Amino acid sequence: MTAFWETKALAELDAEEWERLCDRCGRCCLLKLEDTASGQVAYTAVACKLLDIERVRCTDYARRRQRVADCLALDADLAAAIAWLPATCAYRLRAEGKPLPDWHPLVSGDPRSVRAAGISIAGRVVSERFVHPAALVEHIIRWVE
């Protein structure tokens, strides 16, 4: 049986397949800082206020865009266009025609493989509820590319 993510373009995925493609690493939910002069984006170790940082799940997924002004509803077009998506992101990888890594739950069959591979943000970040916006620069990280 051929895996859906290998045979379908992102735009062809149904809603269930789209959600299954996400590895639940949480990296896209980290706050980012953009240098307006260069356009360069730096990730921080500060997660969205709605993210449960241990379970790496949004606590209000259905209403996240109403509650967080800059939360995006990722789709196939955005996945191909957004340069700041992590290099490990399954949506970015598939938009670029690349395979999913061995640690991805769809490949490994184990949702814990994301943490085991060191990809998950679980236990590595703090919630934005505890960080003053002016202090974000103090939380820049280099372990997300």
Protein backbone atom coordinates (compact mmCIF):
# COMPACT_ATOMS: atom_id res chain seq x y z
CA MET A 1 0.00 0.00 0.00
CA THR A 2 1.38 3.39 -1.00
CA ALA A 3 1.41 6.13 1.60
CA PHE A 4 -0.91 9.06 0.87
CA TRP A 5 1.82 11.63 1.57
CA GLU A 6 4.01 10.09 -1.12
CA THR A 7 1.40 10.05 -3.86
CA LYS A 8 -0.70 13.15 -3.26
CA ALA A 9 0.24 16.79 -3.60
CA LEU A 10 -0.50 18.89 -0.52
CA ALA A 11 -3.46 20.51 -2.27
CA GLU A 12 -4.99 17.07 -2.83
CA LEU A 13 -5.01 16.02 0.83
CA ASP A 14 -8.33 15.81 2.58
CA ALA A 15 -8.74 17.40 6.04
CA GLU A 16 -7.87 14.19 7.92
CA GLU A 17 -4.75 13.53 5.82
CA TRP A 18 -3.67 17.16 6.25
CA GLU A 19 -3.86 16.90 10.04
CA ARG A 20 -2.10 13.51 10.06
CA LEU A 21 0.80 15.00 8.10
CA CYS A 22 1.63 17.30 11.02
CA ASP A 23 4.24 15.64 13.26
CA ARG A 24 3.15 17.69 16.30
CA CYS A 25 6.65 19.01 16.98
CA GLY A 26 5.33 22.48 17.91
CA ARG A 27 8.13 24.37 16.17
CA CYS A 28 5.72 26.44 14.09
CA CYS A 29 4.08 27.61 17.33
CA LEU A 30 7.26 29.22 18.60
CA LEU A 31 7.36 33.02 18.55
CA LYS A 32 9.63 34.39 15.89
CA LEU A 33 11.47 37.68 15.49
CA GLU A 34 12.03 39.16 12.06
CA ASP A 35 14.80 41.57 11.19
CA THR A 36 12.89 44.10 9.09
CA ALA A 37 16.03 45.19 7.24
CA SER A 38 17.21 41.73 6.17
CA GLY A 39 13.98 39.74 6.43
CA GLN A 40 15.85 37.12 8.44
CA VAL A 41 13.71 35.25 10.98
CA ALA A 42 14.96 34.02 14.35
CA TYR A 43 13.06 31.46 16.41
CA THR A 44 12.68 31.90 20.15
CA ALA A 45 12.22 29.34 22.92
CA VAL A 46 8.88 31.00 23.65
CA ALA A 47 5.69 29.24 22.57
CA CYS A 48 2.28 30.63 21.74
CA LYS A 49 0.11 31.25 24.78
CA LEU A 50 -2.38 28.62 23.57
CA LEU A 51 0.16 25.82 23.24
CA ASP A 52 0.30 23.19 25.96
CA ILE A 53 4.09 22.98 25.98
CA GLU A 54 4.27 19.50 27.50
CA ARG A 55 1.66 17.79 25.32
CA VAL A 56 2.58 20.04 22.36
CA ARG A 57 -1.07 20.61 21.47
CA CYS A 58 -3.05 23.78 20.98
CA THR A 59 -5.49 24.24 23.85
CA ASP A 60 -8.05 25.94 21.58
CA TYR A 61 -7.27 24.69 18.07
CA ALA A 62 -10.75 25.42 16.71
CA ARG A 63 -10.63 29.11 17.74
CA ARG A 64 -6.88 29.73 17.64
CA ARG A 65 -7.04 32.24 14.80
CA GLN A 66 -9.66 34.33 16.60
CA ARG A 67 -7.62 34.31 19.80
CA VAL A 68 -4.13 34.79 18.33
CA ALA A 69 -3.97 37.52 15.70
CA ASP A 70 -0.94 36.20 13.83
CA CYS A 71 -1.85 32.50 13.92
CA LEU A 72 -2.04 31.15 10.39
CA ALA A 73 -4.26 28.51 8.89
CA LEU A 74 -1.60 26.68 6.94
CA ASP A 75 -2.62 25.42 3.52
CA ALA A 76 -0.76 24.07 0.49
CA ASP A 77 -0.08 27.53 -0.95
CA LEU A 78 1.26 28.89 2.34
CA ALA A 79 3.38 25.78 2.94
CA ALA A 80 5.13 26.43 -0.36
CA ALA A 81 5.50 30.16 0.23
CA ILE A 82 6.43 30.63 3.89
CA ALA A 83 10.19 30.66 4.24
CA TRP A 84 10.13 30.48 8.04
CA LEU A 85 8.55 27.04 8.31
CA PRO A 86 11.10 24.79 10.02
CA ALA A 87 13.29 22.72 7.70
CA THR A 88 11.90 19.61 9.44
CA CYS A 89 8.23 20.55 8.86
CA ALA A 90 6.39 17.85 6.92
CA TYR A 91 4.34 20.46 5.04
CA ARG A 92 7.49 22.25 3.94
CA LEU A 93 9.25 18.99 3.06
CA ARG A 94 6.35 17.76 0.93
CA ALA A 95 5.90 21.19 -0.71
CA GLU A 96 9.57 20.90 -1.72
CA GLY A 97 9.07 17.33 -3.00
CA LYS A 98 11.21 15.84 -0.22
CA PRO A 99 10.45 12.66 1.74
CA LEU A 100 9.39 12.57 5.37
CA PRO A 101 12.22 11.77 7.81
CA ASP A 102 12.41 8.39 9.54
CA TRP A 103 11.33 9.91 12.87
CA HIS A 104 8.03 11.23 11.46
CA PRO A 105 5.11 9.35 13.08
CA LEU A 106 3.65 8.42 9.69
CA VAL A 107 6.94 6.71 8.83
CA SER A 108 7.95 5.37 12.24
CA GLY A 109 4.45 4.39 13.34
CA ASP A 110 5.21 5.90 16.75
CA PRO A 111 4.16 9.43 17.80
CA ARG A 112 6.92 9.36 20.46
CA SER A 113 9.58 9.26 17.74
CA VAL A 114 9.36 13.05 17.34
CA ARG A 115 10.53 13.55 20.93
CA ALA A 116 13.07 10.72 20.73
CA ALA A 117 14.67 12.39 17.70
CA GLY A 118 14.96 15.72 19.54
CA ILE A 119 12.57 17.48 17.16
CA SER A 120 9.75 18.21 19.62
CA ILE A 121 9.73 21.44 21.60
CA ALA A 122 8.36 19.60 24.67
CA GLY A 123 10.37 20.47 27.76
CA ARG A 124 12.53 22.96 25.86
CA VAL A 125 10.44 26.13 25.81
CA VAL A 126 8.34 28.46 27.96
CA SER A 127 4.92 29.92 27.29
CA GLU A 128 4.63 33.51 26.14
CA ARG A 129 2.38 34.04 29.17
CA PHE A 130 5.58 34.19 31.24
CA VAL A 131 7.80 36.32 28.97
CA HIS A 132 7.58 40.07 28.46
CA PRO A 133 7.53 40.91 24.73
CA ALA A 134 10.58 43.16 25.16
CA ALA A 135 12.52 40.15 26.48
CA LEU A 136 11.90 37.91 23.45
CA VAL A 137 15.31 38.70 22.01
CA GLU A 138 16.85 37.07 25.10
CA HIS A 139 15.18 33.80 24.11
CA ILE A 140 16.51 33.43 20.55
CA ILE A 141 17.49 29.84 19.81
CA ARG A 142 19.58 28.18 17.14
CA TRP A 143 18.22 24.61 17.36
CA VAL A 144 15.39 25.32 14.90
CA GLU A 145 16.32 26.02 11.31
